[in-house]
Amino acid sequence: EGLLPKLVISMIVENNMLEKTIEA
């Protein structure tokens, strides 16, 4: 079984920006 290339995008957000960031 092979592996596929992926990217992990990490960020820290304020609680009030969480849903907006996820939607984006």
PDB file of all heavy atoms in Angstrom:
ATOM      1  N   GLU A   1       0.853  -1.194   0.000  1.00  0.00           N
ATOM      2  CA  GLU A   1       0.000   0.000   0.000  1.00  0.00           C
ATOM      3  C   GLU A   1       0.885   1.237   0.000  1.00  0.00           C
ATOM      4  O   GLU A   1       1.759   1.392   0.845  1.00  0.00           O
ATOM      5  CB  GLU A   1      -0.906   0.020   1.234  1.00  0.00           C
ATOM      6  CG  GLU A   1      -2.005  -1.014   1.211  1.00  0.00           C
ATOM      7  CD  GLU A   1      -3.139  -0.643   0.266  1.00  0.00           C
ATOM      8  OE1 GLU A   1      -3.385   0.554   0.046  1.00  0.00           O
ATOM      9  OE2 GLU A   1      -3.768  -1.567  -0.251  1.00  0.00           O
ATOM     10  N   GLY A   2       0.673   2.103  -0.952  1.00  0.00           N
ATOM     11  CA  GLY A   2       1.483   3.309  -1.061  1.00  0.00           C
ATOM     12  C   GLY A   2       0.901   4.461  -0.271  1.00  0.00           C
ATOM     13  O   GLY A   2      -0.214   4.402   0.250  1.00  0.00           O
ATOM     14  N   LEU A   3       1.658   5.503  -0.194  1.00  0.00           N
ATOM     15  CA  LEU A   3       1.240   6.711   0.507  1.00  0.00           C
ATOM     16  C   LEU A   3       1.117   7.835  -0.506  1.00  0.00           C
ATOM     17  O   LEU A   3       1.882   7.907  -1.466  1.00  0.00           O
ATOM     18  CB  LEU A   3       2.252   7.079   1.590  1.00  0.00           C
ATOM     19  CG  LEU A   3       2.485   6.019   2.660  1.00  0.00           C
ATOM     20  CD1 LEU A   3       3.608   6.450   3.593  1.00  0.00           C
ATOM     21  CD2 LEU A   3       1.220   5.766   3.445  1.00  0.00           C
ATOM     22  N   LEU A   4       0.186   8.726  -0.286  1.00  0.00           N
ATOM     23  CA  LEU A   4      -0.027   9.861  -1.169  1.00  0.00           C
ATOM     24  C   LEU A   4       0.506  11.133  -0.522  1.00  0.00           C
ATOM     25  O   LEU A   4       0.454  11.280   0.703  1.00  0.00           O
ATOM     26  CB  LEU A   4      -1.518  10.029  -1.449  1.00  0.00           C
ATOM     27  CG  LEU A   4      -2.170   8.877  -2.204  1.00  0.00           C
ATOM     28  CD1 LEU A   4      -3.681   9.065  -2.234  1.00  0.00           C
ATOM     29  CD2 LEU A   4      -1.621   8.780  -3.602  1.00  0.00           C
ATOM     30  N   PRO A   5       1.018  12.060  -1.337  1.00  0.00           N
ATOM     31  CA  PRO A   5       1.500  13.319  -0.777  1.00  0.00           C
ATOM     32  C   PRO A   5       0.339  14.153  -0.233  1.00  0.00           C
ATOM     33  O   PRO A   5      -0.724  14.235  -0.845  1.00  0.00           O
ATOM     34  CB  PRO A   5       2.171  14.015  -1.959  1.00  0.00           C
ATOM     35  CG  PRO A   5       1.578  13.393  -3.169  1.00  0.00           C
ATOM     36  CD  PRO A   5       1.174  11.997  -2.784  1.00  0.00           C
ATOM     37  N   LYS A   6       0.541  14.735   0.925  1.00  0.00           N
ATOM     38  CA  LYS A   6      -0.438  15.613   1.570  1.00  0.00           C
ATOM     39  C   LYS A   6       0.302  16.799   2.172  1.00  0.00           C
ATOM     40  O   LYS A   6       1.522  16.770   2.330  1.00  0.00           O
ATOM     41  CB  LYS A   6      -1.181  14.869   2.699  1.00  0.00           C
ATOM     42  CG  LYS A   6      -1.961  13.653   2.260  1.00  0.00           C
ATOM     43  CD  LYS A   6      -3.182  14.045   1.475  1.00  0.00           C
ATOM     44  CE  LYS A   6      -3.981  12.805   1.075  1.00  0.00           C
ATOM     45  NZ  LYS A   6      -5.157  13.153   0.307  1.00  0.00           N
ATOM     46  N   LEU A   7      -0.428  17.821   2.526  1.00  0.00           N
ATOM     47  CA  LEU A   7       0.117  18.960   3.260  1.00  0.00           C
ATOM     48  C   LEU A   7      -0.682  19.124   4.541  1.00  0.00           C
ATOM     49  O   LEU A   7      -1.904  18.952   4.550  1.00  0.00           O
ATOM     50  CB  LEU A   7       0.019  20.242   2.438  1.00  0.00           C
ATOM     51  CG  LEU A   7       0.851  20.298   1.166  1.00  0.00           C
ATOM     52  CD1 LEU A   7       0.593  21.607   0.427  1.00  0.00           C
ATOM     53  CD2 LEU A   7       2.326  20.145   1.462  1.00  0.00           C
ATOM     54  N   VAL A   8       0.003  19.456   5.616  1.00  0.00           N
ATOM     55  CA  VAL A   8      -0.657  19.751   6.880  1.00  0.00           C
ATOM     56  C   VAL A   8      -0.519  21.257   7.107  1.00  0.00           C
ATOM     57  O   VAL A   8       0.593  21.779   7.222  1.00  0.00           O
ATOM     58  CB  VAL A   8      -0.030  18.970   8.054  1.00  0.00           C
ATOM     59  CG1 VAL A   8      -0.744  19.315   9.355  1.00  0.00           C
ATOM     60  CG2 VAL A   8      -0.055  17.471   7.791  1.00  0.00           C
ATOM     61  N   ILE A   9      -1.642  21.932   7.132  1.00  0.00           N
ATOM     62  CA  ILE A   9      -1.666  23.371   7.377  1.00  0.00           C
ATOM     63  C   ILE A   9      -2.073  23.562   8.834  1.00  0.00           C
ATOM     64  O   ILE A   9      -3.165  23.163   9.233  1.00  0.00           O
ATOM     65  CB  ILE A   9      -2.652  24.084   6.442  1.00  0.00           C
ATOM     66  CG1 ILE A   9      -2.284  23.797   4.981  1.00  0.00           C
ATOM     67  CG2 ILE A   9      -2.680  25.579   6.733  1.00  0.00           C
ATOM     68  CD1 ILE A   9      -3.322  24.272   3.989  1.00  0.00           C
ATOM     69  N   SER A  10      -1.181  24.150   9.628  1.00  0.00           N
ATOM     70  CA  SER A  10      -1.431  24.342  11.058  1.00  0.00           C
ATOM     71  C   SER A  10      -1.550  25.822  11.363  1.00  0.00           C
ATOM     72  O   SER A  10      -0.806  26.638  10.808  1.00  0.00           O
ATOM     73  CB  SER A  10      -0.278  23.762  11.886  1.00  0.00           C
ATOM     74  OG  SER A  10      -0.096  22.402  11.606  1.00  0.00           O
ATOM     75  N   MET A  11      -2.487  26.145  12.257  1.00  0.00           N
ATOM     76  CA  MET A  11      -2.640  27.535  12.668  1.00  0.00           C
ATOM     77  C   MET A  11      -3.321  27.601  14.022  1.00  0.00           C
ATOM     78  O   MET A  11      -4.034  26.667  14.414  1.00  0.00           O
ATOM     79  CB  MET A  11      -3.444  28.314  11.632  1.00  0.00           C
ATOM     80  CG  MET A  11      -4.861  27.840  11.490  1.00  0.00           C
ATOM     81  SD  MET A  11      -5.646  28.418   9.984  1.00  0.00           S
ATOM     82  CE  MET A  11      -4.908  27.317   8.820  1.00  0.00           C
ATOM     83  N   ILE A  12      -3.080  28.680  14.723  1.00  0.00           N
ATOM     84  CA  ILE A  12      -3.741  28.949  15.994  1.00  0.00           C
ATOM     85  C   ILE A  12      -4.688  30.124  15.756  1.00  0.00           C
ATOM     86  O   ILE A  12      -4.288  31.142  15.190  1.00  0.00           O
ATOM     87  CB  ILE A  12      -2.727  29.322  17.098  1.00  0.00           C
ATOM     88  CG1 ILE A  12      -1.608  28.284  17.204  1.00  0.00           C
ATOM     89  CG2 ILE A  12      -3.445  29.524  18.434  1.00  0.00           C
ATOM     90  CD1 ILE A  12      -2.054  26.897  17.563  1.00  0.00           C
ATOM     91  N   VAL A  13      -5.937  29.966  16.180  1.00  0.00           N
ATOM     92  CA  VAL A  13      -6.920  31.028  15.970  1.00  0.00           C
ATOM     93  C   VAL A  13      -7.613  31.361  17.285  1.00  0.00           C
ATOM     94  O   VAL A  13      -7.697  30.526  18.182  1.00  0.00           O
ATOM     95  CB  VAL A  13      -7.976  30.644  14.907  1.00  0.00           C
ATOM     96  CG1 VAL A  13      -7.335  30.392  13.562  1.00  0.00           C
ATOM     97  CG2 VAL A  13      -8.803  29.453  15.340  1.00  0.00           C
ATOM     98  N   GLU A  14      -8.101  32.572  17.369  1.00  0.00           N
ATOM     99  CA  GLU A  14      -8.922  32.966  18.510  1.00  0.00           C
ATOM    100  C   GLU A  14     -10.253  32.230  18.397  1.00  0.00           C
ATOM    101  O   GLU A  14     -10.708  31.910  17.300  1.00  0.00           O
ATOM    102  CB  GLU A  14      -9.140  34.477  18.493  1.00  0.00           C
ATOM    103  CG  GLU A  14      -7.854  35.270  18.656  1.00  0.00           C
ATOM    104  CD  GLU A  14      -8.085  36.764  18.547  1.00  0.00           C
ATOM    105  OE1 GLU A  14      -9.232  37.219  18.792  1.00  0.00           O
ATOM    106  OE2 GLU A  14      -7.130  37.471  18.224  1.00  0.00           O
ATOM    107  N   ASN A  15     -10.881  31.963  19.521  1.00  0.00           N
ATOM    108  CA  ASN A  15     -12.136  31.207  19.531  1.00  0.00           C
ATOM    109  C   ASN A  15     -13.199  31.813  18.621  1.00  0.00           C
ATOM    110  O   ASN A  15     -13.934  31.092  17.954  1.00  0.00           O
ATOM    111  CB  ASN A  15     -12.674  31.078  20.955  1.00  0.00           C
ATOM    112  CG  ASN A  15     -11.805  30.186  21.817  1.00  0.00           C
ATOM    113  OD1 ASN A  15     -11.051  29.356  21.318  1.00  0.00           O
ATOM    114  ND2 ASN A  15     -11.900  30.352  23.118  1.00  0.00           N
ATOM    115  N   ASN A  16     -13.253  33.138  18.563  1.00  0.00           N
ATOM    116  CA  ASN A  16     -14.284  33.780  17.755  1.00  0.00           C
ATOM    117  C   ASN A  16     -14.016  33.678  16.247  1.00  0.00           C
ATOM    118  O   ASN A  16     -14.895  33.986  15.452  1.00  0.00           O
ATOM    119  CB  ASN A  16     -14.465  35.245  18.164  1.00  0.00           C
ATOM    120  CG  ASN A  16     -13.230  36.082  17.928  1.00  0.00           C
ATOM    121  OD1 ASN A  16     -12.146  35.572  17.684  1.00  0.00           O
ATOM    122  ND2 ASN A  16     -13.394  37.382  18.016  1.00  0.00           N
ATOM    123  N   MET A  17     -12.828  33.253  15.847  1.00  0.00           N
ATOM    124  CA  MET A  17     -12.484  33.082  14.428  1.00  0.00           C
ATOM    125  C   MET A  17     -12.546  31.624  13.981  1.00  0.00           C
ATOM    126  O   MET A  17     -12.349  31.328  12.802  1.00  0.00           O
ATOM    127  CB  MET A  17     -11.080  33.624  14.158  1.00  0.00           C
ATOM    128  CG  MET A  17     -10.980  35.117  14.145  1.00  0.00           C
ATOM    129  SD  MET A  17     -11.842  35.845  12.731  1.00  0.00           S
ATOM    130  CE  MET A  17     -10.814  35.303  11.381  1.00  0.00           C
ATOM    131  N   LEU A  18     -12.852  30.715  14.895  1.00  0.00           N
ATOM    132  CA  LEU A  18     -12.775  29.283  14.586  1.00  0.00           C
ATOM    133  C   LEU A  18     -13.687  28.876  13.433  1.00  0.00           C
ATOM    134  O   LEU A  18     -13.224  28.330  12.434  1.00  0.00           O
ATOM    135  CB  LEU A  18     -13.089  28.458  15.835  1.00  0.00           C
ATOM    136  CG  LEU A  18     -13.025  26.942  15.643  1.00  0.00           C
ATOM    137  CD1 LEU A  18     -11.622  26.500  15.288  1.00  0.00           C
ATOM    138  CD2 LEU A  18     -13.510  26.238  16.896  1.00  0.00           C
ATOM    139  N   GLU A  19     -14.975  29.138  13.544  1.00  0.00           N
ATOM    140  CA  GLU A  19     -15.924  28.690  12.515  1.00  0.00           C
ATOM    141  C   GLU A  19     -15.648  29.343  11.164  1.00  0.00           C
ATOM    142  O   GLU A  19     -15.713  28.687  10.122  1.00  0.00           O
ATOM    143  CB  GLU A  19     -17.366  28.943  12.958  1.00  0.00           C
ATOM    144  CG  GLU A  19     -17.814  28.037  14.082  1.00  0.00           C
ATOM    145  CD  GLU A  19     -17.670  26.551  13.782  1.00  0.00           C
ATOM    146  OE1 GLU A  19     -17.989  26.125  12.653  1.00  0.00           O
ATOM    147  OE2 GLU A  19     -17.214  25.820  14.677  1.00  0.00           O
ATOM    148  N   LYS A  20     -15.325  30.614  11.182  1.00  0.00           N
ATOM    149  CA  LYS A  20     -15.033  31.341   9.934  1.00  0.00           C
ATOM    150  C   LYS A  20     -13.804  30.746   9.246  1.00  0.00           C
ATOM    151  O   LYS A  20     -13.766  30.602   8.022  1.00  0.00           O
ATOM    152  CB  LYS A  20     -14.810  32.820  10.275  1.00  0.00           C
ATOM    153  CG  LYS A  20     -14.786  33.742   9.113  1.00  0.00           C
ATOM    154  CD  LYS A  20     -14.706  35.186   9.614  1.00  0.00           C
ATOM    155  CE  LYS A  20     -14.854  36.155   8.483  1.00  0.00           C
ATOM    156  NZ  LYS A  20     -14.813  37.547   8.934  1.00  0.00           N
ATOM    157  N   THR A  21     -12.794  30.377  10.027  1.00  0.00           N
ATOM    158  CA  THR A  21     -11.569  29.792   9.481  1.00  0.00           C
ATOM    159  C   THR A  21     -11.843  28.410   8.910  1.00  0.00           C
ATOM    160  O   THR A  21     -11.374  28.080   7.806  1.00  0.00           O
ATOM    161  CB  THR A  21     -10.481  29.727  10.568  1.00  0.00           C
ATOM    162  OG1 THR A  21     -10.286  31.035  11.108  1.00  0.00           O
ATOM    163  CG2 THR A  21      -9.174  29.222  10.011  1.00  0.00           C
ATOM    164  N   ILE A  22     -12.599  27.602   9.628  1.00  0.00           N
ATOM    165  CA  ILE A  22     -12.942  26.262   9.140  1.00  0.00           C
ATOM    166  C   ILE A  22     -13.716  26.358   7.826  1.00  0.00           C
ATOM    167  O   ILE A  22     -13.424  25.633   6.869  1.00  0.00           O
ATOM    168  CB  ILE A  22     -13.758  25.498  10.205  1.00  0.00           C
ATOM    169  CG1 ILE A  22     -12.882  25.185  11.411  1.00  0.00           C
ATOM    170  CG2 ILE A  22     -14.351  24.211   9.618  1.00  0.00           C
ATOM    171  CD1 ILE A  22     -13.652  24.689  12.614  1.00  0.00           C
ATOM    172  N   GLU A  23     -14.679  27.252   7.766  1.00  0.00           N
ATOM    173  CA  GLU A  23     -15.466  27.432   6.542  1.00  0.00           C
ATOM    174  C   GLU A  23     -14.579  27.850   5.367  1.00  0.00           C
ATOM    175  O   GLU A  23     -14.765  27.383   4.240  1.00  0.00           O
ATOM    176  CB  GLU A  23     -16.567  28.469   6.766  1.00  0.00           C
ATOM    177  CG  GLU A  23     -17.679  27.981   7.663  1.00  0.00           C
ATOM    178  CD  GLU A  23     -18.662  29.078   8.040  1.00  0.00           C
ATOM    179  OE1 GLU A  23     -18.628  30.174   7.428  1.00  0.00           O
ATOM    180  OE2 GLU A  23     -19.469  28.845   8.957  1.00  0.00           O
ATOM    181  N   ALA A  24     -13.598  28.707   5.620  1.00  0.00           N
ATOM    182  CA  ALA A  24     -12.696  29.161   4.564  1.00  0.00           C
ATOM    183  C   ALA A  24     -11.849  27.999   4.026  1.00  0.00           C
ATOM    184  O   ALA A  24     -11.647  27.873   2.816  1.00  0.00           O
ATOM    185  CB  ALA A  24     -11.792  30.275   5.079  1.00  0.00           C
TER     186      ALA A  24
END
